[in-house]
Amino acid sequence: MTLRVVRVALTGSGGIGSRVAVALLARRVRYAERFGVDLRLVGAAGSRAGIVGSGGIAVGEFEDRASWALGLTGAAFLAEAAPDVIIDAGPNDYETGGPGLAHLEWALPRGIHAIMVSKSALALHGARLLGLASASSSRVHASGASSAALPAVDFLRHNLAGASVTRVEAALTGTTSFVLDAVTRQGSSLDAAVAEAISRGIAEPDPTFDLDGSDTAAKLVVIAGLALGEWLPFRGITRESVLEVTGARVAAWREAGEKPALVGVLERTATGYEARVEVRAYPREHPFASATGSTKALMVSAEGFGDYTLVGGASTPEATVAAVLKDVEHLLAEL
């Protein structure tokens, strides 16, 4: 059997990017057997250097960072790698869109497909970028940029295809779920809970963006855009910060046996969807009350279908990599 070559370039070679590269190369036999594809990692780049191999690079070459070419990044890297697919796992920047914005602007008009882990480009410029993708028949997958191992976009886009979704409520940020759970159930101080989240790799070294509701807001934008077809203004989403939670509220939750969570809410109105981020408390019998630690949760209401709840997809590096690999499989099935 003649295998179809699919060339993949990785932009962003930090912790998640490195894990993705190793996992992709380990699955090459699976891709060949299941999809008839010879998947080749033809390049990888970070912020200062990159490596390109037209026939594909091996794990050893990827890990030998001393052999990477300084300055081989951005558009120059992509042009030399000539990929069919880019996987962007670079840093977020909610002022500029981050390097992922430039990568998408280069790739999508050329018919190159994208799998996104970084989310700032889509959160700020999703409508324009999806327009570029549509014009060139490029595909964009972003499980890692929306809810990682919780299949929010897939559930809405595929399982509820054609449905009129009236409401979405979701705990999407593992950091805040973990912190609120530790403060309420374990009696931890806020500072101690945040420090533990960082030490476990659940939170970034600077978790402010998670704690102030911005991460959830960005994920809401991506979910609404990719799954519901409506791109909301990221900066226009009202948000409540976990840092604003008082001791009195925590005491009240404990006394009532309630489970708090920072949730993003999408509600359909006569003019479209409205979004907000807020801290809500759930009674012990509510499905969200079972989402302990960094576990995520999703509730959806849709006309004709009724109500659904998904709970799972705790925040770990492995879960993010798994979400990327799922997107790879979806994309290979579509090509």
C-alpha atoms as a PDB file:
ATOM      1  CA  MET A   1       0.000   0.000   0.000  1.00  0.00           C
ATOM      2  CA  THR A   2       1.270   3.429  -0.948  1.00  0.00           C
ATOM      3  CA  LEU A   3       1.124   5.786   1.998  1.00  0.00           C
ATOM      4  CA  ARG A   4       0.087   9.400   1.632  1.00  0.00           C
ATOM      5  CA  VAL A   5       2.714  11.724   3.107  1.00  0.00           C
ATOM      6  CA  VAL A   6       1.473  14.296   5.614  1.00  0.00           C
ATOM      7  CA  ARG A   7       4.106  16.807   6.682  1.00  0.00           C
ATOM      8  CA  VAL A   8       3.737  18.320  10.160  1.00  0.00           C
ATOM      9  CA  ALA A   9       5.587  21.335  11.560  1.00  0.00           C
ATOM     10  CA  LEU A  10       5.561  22.115  15.278  1.00  0.00           C
ATOM     11  CA  THR A  11       5.744  25.725  16.438  1.00  0.00           C
ATOM     12  CA  GLY A  12       6.430  25.988  20.149  1.00  0.00           C
ATOM     13  CA  SER A  13       8.932  23.499  21.521  1.00  0.00           C
ATOM     14  CA  GLY A  14       8.494  23.912  25.265  1.00  0.00           C
ATOM     15  CA  GLY A  15       7.037  21.357  27.649  1.00  0.00           C
ATOM     16  CA  ILE A  16       3.808  20.631  25.789  1.00  0.00           C
ATOM     17  CA  GLY A  17       5.368  20.965  22.344  1.00  0.00           C
ATOM     18  CA  SER A  18       8.132  18.539  23.228  1.00  0.00           C
ATOM     19  CA  ARG A  19       5.659  15.982  24.545  1.00  0.00           C
ATOM     20  CA  VAL A  20       3.551  16.350  21.403  1.00  0.00           C
ATOM     21  CA  ALA A  21       6.565  15.773  19.155  1.00  0.00           C
ATOM     22  CA  VAL A  22       7.578  12.582  20.940  1.00  0.00           C
ATOM     23  CA  ALA A  23       3.985  11.292  20.986  1.00  0.00           C
ATOM     24  CA  LEU A  24       3.471  11.981  17.274  1.00  0.00           C
ATOM     25  CA  LEU A  25       6.610  10.099  16.302  1.00  0.00           C
ATOM     26  CA  ALA A  26       5.612   7.187  18.507  1.00  0.00           C
ATOM     27  CA  ARG A  27       2.292   6.902  16.649  1.00  0.00           C
ATOM     28  CA  ARG A  28       3.569   6.824  13.099  1.00  0.00           C
ATOM     29  CA  VAL A  29       2.810   3.113  12.692  1.00  0.00           C
ATOM     30  CA  ARG A  30      -0.744   3.675  13.952  1.00  0.00           C
ATOM     31  CA  TYR A  31      -1.289   6.495  11.473  1.00  0.00           C
ATOM     32  CA  ALA A  32      -0.016   4.348   8.637  1.00  0.00           C
ATOM     33  CA  GLU A  33      -2.235   1.402   9.533  1.00  0.00           C
ATOM     34  CA  ARG A  34      -5.386   3.370  10.348  1.00  0.00           C
ATOM     35  CA  PHE A  35      -5.266   6.258   7.885  1.00  0.00           C
ATOM     36  CA  GLY A  36      -2.806   5.142   5.207  1.00  0.00           C
ATOM     37  CA  VAL A  37      -0.623   8.116   6.135  1.00  0.00           C
ATOM     38  CA  ASP A  38       3.115   8.507   6.397  1.00  0.00           C
ATOM     39  CA  LEU A  39       3.116  11.271   9.006  1.00  0.00           C
ATOM     40  CA  ARG A  40       6.429  13.081   9.129  1.00  0.00           C
ATOM     41  CA  LEU A  41       7.533  15.688  11.623  1.00  0.00           C
ATOM     42  CA  VAL A  42       9.399  17.873   9.144  1.00  0.00           C
ATOM     43  CA  GLY A  43      10.277  20.697  11.476  1.00  0.00           C
ATOM     44  CA  ALA A  44      10.096  22.186  14.937  1.00  0.00           C
ATOM     45  CA  ALA A  45      10.822  25.691  16.133  1.00  0.00           C
ATOM     46  CA  GLY A  46      10.888  27.648  19.336  1.00  0.00           C
ATOM     47  CA  SER A  47      11.280  31.353  19.890  1.00  0.00           C
ATOM     48  CA  ARG A  48      14.966  31.487  18.874  1.00  0.00           C
ATOM     49  CA  ALA A  49      15.854  28.444  16.797  1.00  0.00           C
ATOM     50  CA  GLY A  50      14.423  25.652  14.708  1.00  0.00           C
ATOM     51  CA  ILE A  51      15.167  22.446  12.874  1.00  0.00           C
ATOM     52  CA  VAL A  52      13.903  21.241   9.492  1.00  0.00           C
ATOM     53  CA  GLY A  53      14.244  17.860   7.843  1.00  0.00           C
ATOM     54  CA  SER A  54      12.357  17.351   4.594  1.00  0.00           C
ATOM     55  CA  GLY A  55      12.287  13.596   5.067  1.00  0.00           C
ATOM     56  CA  GLY A  56      11.227  13.903   8.680  1.00  0.00           C
ATOM     57  CA  ILE A  57      13.181  14.370  11.893  1.00  0.00           C
ATOM     58  CA  ALA A  58      13.640  11.677  14.510  1.00  0.00           C
ATOM     59  CA  VAL A  59      13.285  11.980  18.269  1.00  0.00           C
ATOM     60  CA  GLY A  60      17.038  12.219  18.738  1.00  0.00           C
ATOM     61  CA  GLU A  61      17.302  15.097  16.273  1.00  0.00           C
ATOM     62  CA  PHE A  62      14.407  16.891  17.943  1.00  0.00           C
ATOM     63  CA  GLU A  63      15.973  16.535  21.376  1.00  0.00           C
ATOM     64  CA  ASP A  64      19.441  17.677  20.226  1.00  0.00           C
ATOM     65  CA  ARG A  65      18.701  21.377  20.640  1.00  0.00           C
ATOM     66  CA  ALA A  66      22.343  22.316  20.060  1.00  0.00           C
ATOM     67  CA  SER A  67      21.914  21.298  16.413  1.00  0.00           C
ATOM     68  CA  TRP A  68      18.974  23.636  15.827  1.00  0.00           C
ATOM     69  CA  ALA A  69      19.584  26.639  13.582  1.00  0.00           C
ATOM     70  CA  LEU A  70      19.477  29.968  15.378  1.00  0.00           C
ATOM     71  CA  GLY A  71      16.983  32.368  13.837  1.00  0.00           C
ATOM     72  CA  LEU A  72      15.024  29.660  12.037  1.00  0.00           C
ATOM     73  CA  THR A  73      11.625  30.673  13.384  1.00  0.00           C
ATOM     74  CA  GLY A  74       8.349  32.213  12.277  1.00  0.00           C
ATOM     75  CA  ALA A  75       7.561  32.547   8.594  1.00  0.00           C
ATOM     76  CA  ALA A  76      11.091  31.623   7.518  1.00  0.00           C
ATOM     77  CA  PHE A  77      10.839  28.355   9.422  1.00  0.00           C
ATOM     78  CA  LEU A  78       7.407  27.551   7.995  1.00  0.00           C
ATOM     79  CA  ALA A  79       8.495  28.354   4.453  1.00  0.00           C
ATOM     80  CA  GLU A  80      11.481  26.015   4.718  1.00  0.00           C
ATOM     81  CA  ALA A  81       9.530  23.230   6.424  1.00  0.00           C
ATOM     82  CA  ALA A  82       6.691  23.444   3.841  1.00  0.00           C
ATOM     83  CA  PRO A  83       4.187  21.599   6.051  1.00  0.00           C
ATOM     84  CA  ASP A  84       0.707  20.325   5.334  1.00  0.00           C
ATOM     85  CA  VAL A  85      -0.219  20.824   8.994  1.00  0.00           C
ATOM     86  CA  ILE A  86       1.075  23.091  11.735  1.00  0.00           C
ATOM     87  CA  ILE A  87       0.679  22.366  15.433  1.00  0.00           C
ATOM     88  CA  ASP A  88       1.052  25.578  17.406  1.00  0.00           C
ATOM     89  CA  ALA A  89       2.011  25.139  21.046  1.00  0.00           C
ATOM     90  CA  GLY A  90       3.690  28.505  21.531  1.00  0.00           C
ATOM     91  CA  PRO A  91       3.040  31.160  24.159  1.00  0.00           C
ATOM     92  CA  ASN A  92      -0.128  33.214  24.428  1.00  0.00           C
ATOM     93  CA  ASP A  93      -0.207  36.994  24.228  1.00  0.00           C
ATOM     94  CA  TYR A  94      -3.574  38.637  24.749  1.00  0.00           C
ATOM     95  CA  GLU A  95      -2.395  42.007  23.503  1.00  0.00           C
ATOM     96  CA  THR A  96      -0.842  40.974  20.195  1.00  0.00           C
ATOM     97  CA  GLY A  97      -2.252  37.492  19.613  1.00  0.00           C
ATOM     98  CA  GLY A  98       1.173  35.942  20.175  1.00  0.00           C
ATOM     99  CA  PRO A  99       3.365  34.182  17.627  1.00  0.00           C
ATOM    100  CA  GLY A 100       0.472  31.857  16.842  1.00  0.00           C
ATOM    101  CA  LEU A 101      -1.293  34.723  15.074  1.00  0.00           C
ATOM    102  CA  ALA A 102       1.539  35.189  12.587  1.00  0.00           C
ATOM    103  CA  HIS A 103       1.789  31.436  12.090  1.00  0.00           C
ATOM    104  CA  LEU A 104      -1.908  31.154  11.264  1.00  0.00           C
ATOM    105  CA  GLU A 105      -1.828  34.207   9.004  1.00  0.00           C
ATOM    106  CA  TRP A 106       0.991  32.584   7.047  1.00  0.00           C
ATOM    107  CA  ALA A 107      -0.393  29.052   6.977  1.00  0.00           C
ATOM    108  CA  LEU A 108      -4.139  29.293   6.485  1.00  0.00           C
ATOM    109  CA  PRO A 109      -4.184  31.243   3.174  1.00  0.00           C
ATOM    110  CA  ARG A 110      -1.826  28.592   1.781  1.00  0.00           C
ATOM    111  CA  GLY A 111      -4.264  25.759   2.503  1.00  0.00           C
ATOM    112  CA  ILE A 112      -2.232  24.510   5.461  1.00  0.00           C
ATOM    113  CA  HIS A 113      -4.260  23.008   8.274  1.00  0.00           C
ATOM    114  CA  ALA A 114      -3.776  24.023  11.920  1.00  0.00           C
ATOM    115  CA  ILE A 115      -4.050  22.340  15.299  1.00  0.00           C
ATOM    116  CA  MET A 116      -3.923  24.902  18.071  1.00  0.00           C
ATOM    117  CA  VAL A 117      -2.780  24.574  21.668  1.00  0.00           C
ATOM    118  CA  SER A 118      -2.149  28.290  22.086  1.00  0.00           C
ATOM    119  CA  LYS A 119      -5.408  30.199  22.221  1.00  0.00           C
ATOM    120  CA  SER A 120      -4.723  33.939  22.132  1.00  0.00           C
ATOM    121  CA  ALA A 121      -4.748  34.238  18.323  1.00  0.00           C
ATOM    122  CA  LEU A 122      -8.172  32.610  18.083  1.00  0.00           C
ATOM    123  CA  ALA A 123      -9.519  34.447  21.133  1.00  0.00           C
ATOM    124  CA  LEU A 124      -8.613  37.827  19.644  1.00  0.00           C
ATOM    125  CA  HIS A 125      -8.902  37.236  15.890  1.00  0.00           C
ATOM    126  CA  GLY A 126     -10.896  34.027  15.471  1.00  0.00           C
ATOM    127  CA  ALA A 127     -13.480  35.325  13.022  1.00  0.00           C
ATOM    128  CA  ARG A 128     -10.878  36.705  10.612  1.00  0.00           C
ATOM    129  CA  LEU A 129      -8.668  33.618  10.895  1.00  0.00           C
ATOM    130  CA  LEU A 130     -11.541  31.212  10.263  1.00  0.00           C
ATOM    131  CA  GLY A 131     -12.415  33.343   7.257  1.00  0.00           C
ATOM    132  CA  LEU A 132      -8.917  32.755   5.910  1.00  0.00           C
ATOM    133  CA  ALA A 133      -9.296  29.040   6.569  1.00  0.00           C
ATOM    134  CA  SER A 134     -12.650  28.869   4.818  1.00  0.00           C
ATOM    135  CA  ALA A 135     -11.352  30.679   1.746  1.00  0.00           C
ATOM    136  CA  SER A 136      -8.542  28.156   1.280  1.00  0.00           C
ATOM    137  CA  SER A 137     -10.311  25.026   2.608  1.00  0.00           C
ATOM    138  CA  SER A 138      -7.917  24.836   5.551  1.00  0.00           C
ATOM    139  CA  ARG A 139      -9.114  23.140   8.703  1.00  0.00           C
ATOM    140  CA  VAL A 140      -8.606  24.405  12.243  1.00  0.00           C
ATOM    141  CA  HIS A 141      -8.818  22.173  15.300  1.00  0.00           C
ATOM    142  CA  ALA A 142      -8.338  23.573  18.791  1.00  0.00           C
ATOM    143  CA  SER A 143      -9.172  21.067  21.524  1.00  0.00           C
ATOM    144  CA  GLY A 144      -5.990  22.046  23.339  1.00  0.00           C
ATOM    145  CA  ALA A 145      -6.957  25.718  23.139  1.00  0.00           C
ATOM    146  CA  SER A 146     -10.508  25.283  24.434  1.00  0.00           C
ATOM    147  CA  SER A 147     -10.893  22.601  27.076  1.00  0.00           C
ATOM    148  CA  ALA A 148      -8.098  20.074  26.408  1.00  0.00           C
ATOM    149  CA  ALA A 149      -9.256  16.581  27.436  1.00  0.00           C
ATOM    150  CA  LEU A 150     -12.855  17.713  28.051  1.00  0.00           C
ATOM    151  CA  PRO A 151     -14.349  17.357  24.538  1.00  0.00           C
ATOM    152  CA  ALA A 152     -16.450  20.527  24.597  1.00  0.00           C
ATOM    153  CA  VAL A 153     -15.996  21.592  20.969  1.00  0.00           C
ATOM    154  CA  ASP A 154     -16.324  18.057  19.628  1.00  0.00           C
ATOM    155  CA  PHE A 155     -19.478  17.395  21.645  1.00  0.00           C
ATOM    156  CA  LEU A 156     -21.163  20.593  20.512  1.00  0.00           C
ATOM    157  CA  ARG A 157     -20.003  20.448  16.903  1.00  0.00           C
ATOM    158  CA  HIS A 158     -20.524  16.743  16.202  1.00  0.00           C
ATOM    159  CA  ASN A 159     -22.869  15.188  18.764  1.00  0.00           C
ATOM    160  CA  LEU A 160     -25.214  18.181  18.669  1.00  0.00           C
ATOM    161  CA  ALA A 161     -24.743  19.001  14.993  1.00  0.00           C
ATOM    162  CA  GLY A 162     -27.624  21.092  13.728  1.00  0.00           C
ATOM    163  CA  ALA A 163     -29.029  21.651  17.223  1.00  0.00           C
ATOM    164  CA  SER A 164     -30.149  25.014  18.535  1.00  0.00           C
ATOM    165  CA  VAL A 165     -27.965  25.325  21.635  1.00  0.00           C
ATOM    166  CA  THR A 166     -29.571  27.634  24.163  1.00  0.00           C
ATOM    167  CA  ARG A 167     -27.086  27.502  27.021  1.00  0.00           C
ATOM    168  CA  VAL A 168     -23.578  26.329  27.826  1.00  0.00           C
ATOM    169  CA  GLU A 169     -22.112  26.359  31.322  1.00  0.00           C
ATOM    170  CA  ALA A 170     -18.615  25.042  31.863  1.00  0.00           C
ATOM    171  CA  ALA A 171     -15.766  24.829  34.338  1.00  0.00           C
ATOM    172  CA  LEU A 172     -12.892  25.104  31.876  1.00  0.00           C
ATOM    173  CA  THR A 173      -9.844  26.201  33.875  1.00  0.00           C
ATOM    174  CA  GLY A 174      -8.163  23.489  35.909  1.00  0.00           C
ATOM    175  CA  THR A 175      -6.264  25.983  38.045  1.00  0.00           C
ATOM    176  CA  THR A 176      -9.384  27.639  39.424  1.00  0.00           C
ATOM    177  CA  SER A 177     -11.197  24.338  39.911  1.00  0.00           C
ATOM    178  CA  PHE A 178      -8.251  22.999  41.892  1.00  0.00           C
ATOM    179  CA  VAL A 179      -7.821  26.155  43.970  1.00  0.00           C
ATOM    180  CA  LEU A 180     -11.507  26.506  44.875  1.00  0.00           C
ATOM    181  CA  ASP A 181     -11.718  22.810  45.699  1.00  0.00           C
ATOM    182  CA  ALA A 182      -8.665  22.998  47.971  1.00  0.00           C
ATOM    183  CA  VAL A 183      -9.887  26.124  49.746  1.00  0.00           C
ATOM    184  CA  THR A 184     -13.387  24.781  50.330  1.00  0.00           C
ATOM    185  CA  ARG A 185     -12.931  21.053  50.913  1.00  0.00           C
ATOM    186  CA  GLN A 186      -9.425  20.903  52.362  1.00  0.00           C
ATOM    187  CA  GLY A 187      -9.363  24.199  54.226  1.00  0.00           C
ATOM    188  CA  SER A 188      -6.257  25.445  52.421  1.00  0.00           C
ATOM    189  CA  SER A 189      -5.471  29.125  52.254  1.00  0.00           C
ATOM    190  CA  LEU A 190      -5.746  30.735  48.841  1.00  0.00           C
ATOM    191  CA  ASP A 191      -1.982  31.266  48.646  1.00  0.00           C
ATOM    192  CA  ALA A 192      -1.259  27.667  49.636  1.00  0.00           C
ATOM    193  CA  ALA A 193      -3.749  26.298  47.122  1.00  0.00           C
ATOM    194  CA  VAL A 194      -2.261  28.376  44.306  1.00  0.00           C
ATOM    195  CA  ALA A 195       1.274  27.302  45.250  1.00  0.00           C
ATOM    196  CA  GLU A 196       0.237  23.636  45.185  1.00  0.00           C
ATOM    197  CA  ALA A 197      -1.424  24.071  41.785  1.00  0.00           C
ATOM    198  CA  ILE A 198       1.822  25.523  40.444  1.00  0.00           C
ATOM    199  CA  SER A 199       3.947  22.758  41.992  1.00  0.00           C
ATOM    200  CA  ARG A 200       1.744  20.087  40.407  1.00  0.00           C
ATOM    201  CA  GLY A 201       1.990  21.653  36.970  1.00  0.00           C
ATOM    202  CA  ILE A 202      -1.720  22.477  36.914  1.00  0.00           C
ATOM    203  CA  ALA A 203      -1.072  26.238  36.951  1.00  0.00           C
ATOM    204  CA  GLU A 204       1.511  28.361  35.166  1.00  0.00           C
ATOM    205  CA  PRO A 205       4.262  29.965  37.281  1.00  0.00           C
ATOM    206  CA  ASP A 206       2.241  33.174  37.016  1.00  0.00           C
ATOM    207  CA  PRO A 207      -1.384  31.993  37.308  1.00  0.00           C
ATOM    208  CA  THR A 208      -2.986  35.455  37.284  1.00  0.00           C
ATOM    209  CA  PHE A 209      -4.617  34.937  33.903  1.00  0.00           C
ATOM    210  CA  ASP A 210      -6.263  31.761  35.162  1.00  0.00           C
ATOM    211  CA  LEU A 211      -7.357  33.180  38.507  1.00  0.00           C
ATOM    212  CA  ASP A 212      -8.896  36.391  37.170  1.00  0.00           C
ATOM    213  CA  GLY A 213     -11.208  34.534  34.787  1.00  0.00           C
ATOM    214  CA  SER A 214      -9.422  35.505  31.587  1.00  0.00           C
ATOM    215  CA  ASP A 215      -8.410  31.947  30.678  1.00  0.00           C
ATOM    216  CA  THR A 216     -12.024  30.813  30.956  1.00  0.00           C
ATOM    217  CA  ALA A 217     -13.148  33.815  28.901  1.00  0.00           C
ATOM    218  CA  ALA A 218     -10.660  32.984  26.143  1.00  0.00           C
ATOM    219  CA  LYS A 219     -11.804  29.374  26.058  1.00  0.00           C
ATOM    220  CA  LEU A 220     -15.438  30.490  25.872  1.00  0.00           C
ATOM    221  CA  VAL A 221     -14.586  32.563  22.802  1.00  0.00           C
ATOM    222  CA  VAL A 222     -12.934  29.586  21.086  1.00  0.00           C
ATOM    223  CA  ILE A 223     -15.777  27.204  21.968  1.00  0.00           C
ATOM    224  CA  ALA A 224     -18.473  29.630  20.819  1.00  0.00           C
ATOM    225  CA  GLY A 225     -16.605  30.364  17.600  1.00  0.00           C
ATOM    226  CA  LEU A 226     -15.643  26.858  16.542  1.00  0.00           C
ATOM    227  CA  ALA A 227     -18.697  25.001  17.842  1.00  0.00           C
ATOM    228  CA  LEU A 228     -21.523  27.545  17.632  1.00  0.00           C
ATOM    229  CA  GLY A 229     -20.283  29.725  14.787  1.00  0.00           C
ATOM    230  CA  GLU A 230     -20.305  32.979  16.758  1.00  0.00           C
ATOM    231  CA  TRP A 231     -17.061  34.770  17.598  1.00  0.00           C
ATOM    232  CA  LEU A 232     -17.491  36.876  20.721  1.00  0.00           C
ATOM    233  CA  PRO A 233     -15.281  39.833  21.702  1.00  0.00           C
ATOM    234  CA  PHE A 234     -12.797  38.526  24.255  1.00  0.00           C
ATOM    235  CA  ARG A 235     -12.333  41.865  25.975  1.00  0.00           C
ATOM    236  CA  GLY A 236     -16.095  42.376  26.237  1.00  0.00           C
ATOM    237  CA  ILE A 237     -16.721  39.307  28.414  1.00  0.00           C
ATOM    238  CA  THR A 238     -17.436  40.207  32.038  1.00  0.00           C
ATOM    239  CA  ARG A 239     -15.446  38.081  34.456  1.00  0.00           C
ATOM    240  CA  GLU A 240     -15.168  37.464  38.173  1.00  0.00           C
ATOM    241  CA  SER A 241     -11.814  36.696  39.775  1.00  0.00           C
ATOM    242  CA  VAL A 242     -11.209  33.841  42.176  1.00  0.00           C
ATOM    243  CA  LEU A 243      -9.002  36.303  44.049  1.00  0.00           C
ATOM    244  CA  GLU A 244     -12.172  38.213  44.964  1.00  0.00           C
ATOM    245  CA  VAL A 245     -13.650  35.256  46.860  1.00  0.00           C
ATOM    246  CA  THR A 246     -13.973  36.159  50.541  1.00  0.00           C
ATOM    247  CA  GLY A 247     -13.588  33.995  53.618  1.00  0.00           C
ATOM    248  CA  ALA A 248     -17.247  34.558  54.371  1.00  0.00           C
ATOM    249  CA  ARG A 249     -18.281  33.035  51.046  1.00  0.00           C
ATOM    250  CA  VAL A 250     -16.030  30.035  51.609  1.00  0.00           C
ATOM    251  CA  ALA A 251     -17.514  29.516  55.081  1.00  0.00           C
ATOM    252  CA  ALA A 252     -21.032  29.705  53.660  1.00  0.00           C
ATOM    253  CA  TRP A 253     -20.217  27.118  50.985  1.00  0.00           C
ATOM    254  CA  ARG A 254     -18.786  24.764  53.589  1.00  0.00           C
ATOM    255  CA  GLU A 255     -21.790  25.129  55.842  1.00  0.00           C
ATOM    256  CA  ALA A 256     -24.182  24.456  52.974  1.00  0.00           C
ATOM    257  CA  GLY A 257     -22.092  21.571  51.647  1.00  0.00           C
ATOM    258  CA  GLU A 258     -21.739  23.322  48.297  1.00  0.00           C
ATOM    259  CA  LYS A 259     -18.992  23.013  45.688  1.00  0.00           C
ATOM    260  CA  PRO A 260     -17.783  26.281  44.110  1.00  0.00           C
ATOM    261  CA  ALA A 261     -16.414  26.570  40.589  1.00  0.00           C
ATOM    262  CA  LEU A 262     -15.363  29.340  38.255  1.00  0.00           C
ATOM    263  CA  VAL A 263     -17.557  28.805  35.217  1.00  0.00           C
ATOM    264  CA  GLY A 264     -18.023  30.320  31.813  1.00  0.00           C
ATOM    265  CA  VAL A 265     -21.609  30.773  30.676  1.00  0.00           C
ATOM    266  CA  LEU A 266     -22.970  31.193  27.155  1.00  0.00           C
ATOM    267  CA  GLU A 267     -26.646  32.065  26.837  1.00  0.00           C
ATOM    268  CA  ARG A 268     -28.523  32.490  23.580  1.00  0.00           C
ATOM    269  CA  THR A 269     -30.483  35.708  23.228  1.00  0.00           C
ATOM    270  CA  ALA A 270     -32.544  37.226  20.429  1.00  0.00           C
ATOM    271  CA  THR A 271     -29.381  38.788  18.976  1.00  0.00           C
ATOM    272  CA  GLY A 272     -26.849  36.014  19.538  1.00  0.00           C
ATOM    273  CA  TYR A 273     -24.884  34.602  22.440  1.00  0.00           C
ATOM    274  CA  GLU A 274     -23.925  36.485  25.569  1.00  0.00           C
ATOM    275  CA  ALA A 275     -20.994  35.348  27.682  1.00  0.00           C
ATOM    276  CA  ARG A 276     -19.804  35.854  31.237  1.00  0.00           C
ATOM    277  CA  VAL A 277     -17.407  34.275  33.725  1.00  0.00           C
ATOM    278  CA  GLU A 278     -18.460  33.923  37.362  1.00  0.00           C
ATOM    279  CA  VAL A 279     -17.922  31.933  40.537  1.00  0.00           C
ATOM    280  CA  ARG A 280     -20.946  29.736  41.247  1.00  0.00           C
ATOM    281  CA  ALA A 281     -21.641  27.219  44.008  1.00  0.00           C
ATOM    282  CA  TYR A 282     -23.375  23.895  43.352  1.00  0.00           C
ATOM    283  CA  PRO A 283     -25.261  21.666  45.804  1.00  0.00           C
ATOM    284  CA  ARG A 284     -23.719  18.283  46.525  1.00  0.00           C
ATOM    285  CA  GLU A 285     -26.246  16.477  44.317  1.00  0.00           C
ATOM    286  CA  HIS A 286     -25.374  18.592  41.263  1.00  0.00           C
ATOM    287  CA  PRO A 287     -23.147  16.850  38.657  1.00  0.00           C
ATOM    288  CA  PHE A 288     -20.586  19.671  38.868  1.00  0.00           C
ATOM    289  CA  ALA A 289     -20.086  18.876  42.555  1.00  0.00           C
ATOM    290  CA  SER A 290     -18.348  15.653  41.504  1.00  0.00           C
ATOM    291  CA  ALA A 291     -15.688  17.587  39.593  1.00  0.00           C
ATOM    292  CA  THR A 292     -12.979  17.610  42.248  1.00  0.00           C
ATOM    293  CA  GLY A 293      -9.396  18.775  41.918  1.00  0.00           C
ATOM    294  CA  SER A 294      -8.618  20.163  38.463  1.00  0.00           C
ATOM    295  CA  THR A 295     -11.402  18.208  36.738  1.00  0.00           C
ATOM    296  CA  LYS A 296     -13.465  20.142  34.197  1.00  0.00           C
ATOM    297  CA  ALA A 297     -17.208  20.025  33.577  1.00  0.00           C
ATOM    298  CA  LEU A 298     -19.690  21.009  30.869  1.00  0.00           C
ATOM    299  CA  MET A 299     -23.479  21.460  30.833  1.00  0.00           C
ATOM    300  CA  VAL A 300     -25.327  22.026  27.570  1.00  0.00           C
ATOM    301  CA  SER A 301     -28.985  22.723  26.838  1.00  0.00           C
ATOM    302  CA  ALA A 302     -30.243  22.342  23.279  1.00  0.00           C
ATOM    303  CA  GLU A 303     -33.730  22.485  21.782  1.00  0.00           C
ATOM    304  CA  GLY A 304     -34.960  19.037  20.877  1.00  0.00           C
ATOM    305  CA  PHE A 305     -31.985  17.305  22.483  1.00  0.00           C
ATOM    306  CA  GLY A 306     -32.485  18.405  26.074  1.00  0.00           C
ATOM    307  CA  ASP A 307     -29.777  18.779  28.707  1.00  0.00           C
ATOM    308  CA  TYR A 308     -26.377  17.112  28.897  1.00  0.00           C
ATOM    309  CA  THR A 309     -23.552  17.104  31.434  1.00  0.00           C
ATOM    310  CA  LEU A 310     -19.967  15.985  30.848  1.00  0.00           C
ATOM    311  CA  VAL A 311     -17.477  15.750  33.717  1.00  0.00           C
ATOM    312  CA  GLY A 312     -13.817  14.831  33.230  1.00  0.00           C
ATOM    313  CA  GLY A 313     -10.612  15.939  31.577  1.00  0.00           C
ATOM    314  CA  ALA A 314      -8.496  17.010  34.535  1.00  0.00           C
ATOM    315  CA  SER A 315      -5.772  19.551  33.760  1.00  0.00           C
ATOM    316  CA  THR A 316      -2.443  17.795  33.246  1.00  0.00           C
ATOM    317  CA  PRO A 317       0.226  18.051  30.554  1.00  0.00           C
ATOM    318  CA  GLU A 318      -0.682  14.523  29.499  1.00  0.00           C
ATOM    319  CA  ALA A 319      -4.313  15.547  29.025  1.00  0.00           C
ATOM    320  CA  THR A 320      -3.325  18.447  26.787  1.00  0.00           C
ATOM    321  CA  VAL A 321      -1.132  16.190  24.674  1.00  0.00           C
ATOM    322  CA  ALA A 322      -3.963  13.666  24.445  1.00  0.00           C
ATOM    323  CA  ALA A 323      -6.256  16.425  23.161  1.00  0.00           C
ATOM    324  CA  VAL A 324      -3.739  17.334  20.459  1.00  0.00           C
ATOM    325  CA  LEU A 325      -3.409  13.705  19.402  1.00  0.00           C
ATOM    326  CA  LYS A 326      -7.200  13.468  19.187  1.00  0.00           C
ATOM    327  CA  ASP A 327      -7.233  16.494  16.893  1.00  0.00           C
ATOM    328  CA  VAL A 328      -4.556  14.873  14.742  1.00  0.00           C
ATOM    329  CA  GLU A 329      -6.743  11.788  14.324  1.00  0.00           C
ATOM    330  CA  HIS A 330      -9.793  13.878  13.450  1.00  0.00           C
ATOM    331  CA  LEU A 331      -7.779  15.835  10.900  1.00  0.00           C
ATOM    332  CA  LEU A 332      -6.274  12.741   9.287  1.00  0.00           C
ATOM    333  CA  ALA A 333      -9.771  11.262   8.979  1.00  0.00           C
ATOM    334  CA  GLU A 334     -10.926  14.436   7.208  1.00  0.00           C
ATOM    335  CA  LEU A 335      -8.070  14.729   4.723  1.00  0.00           C
END
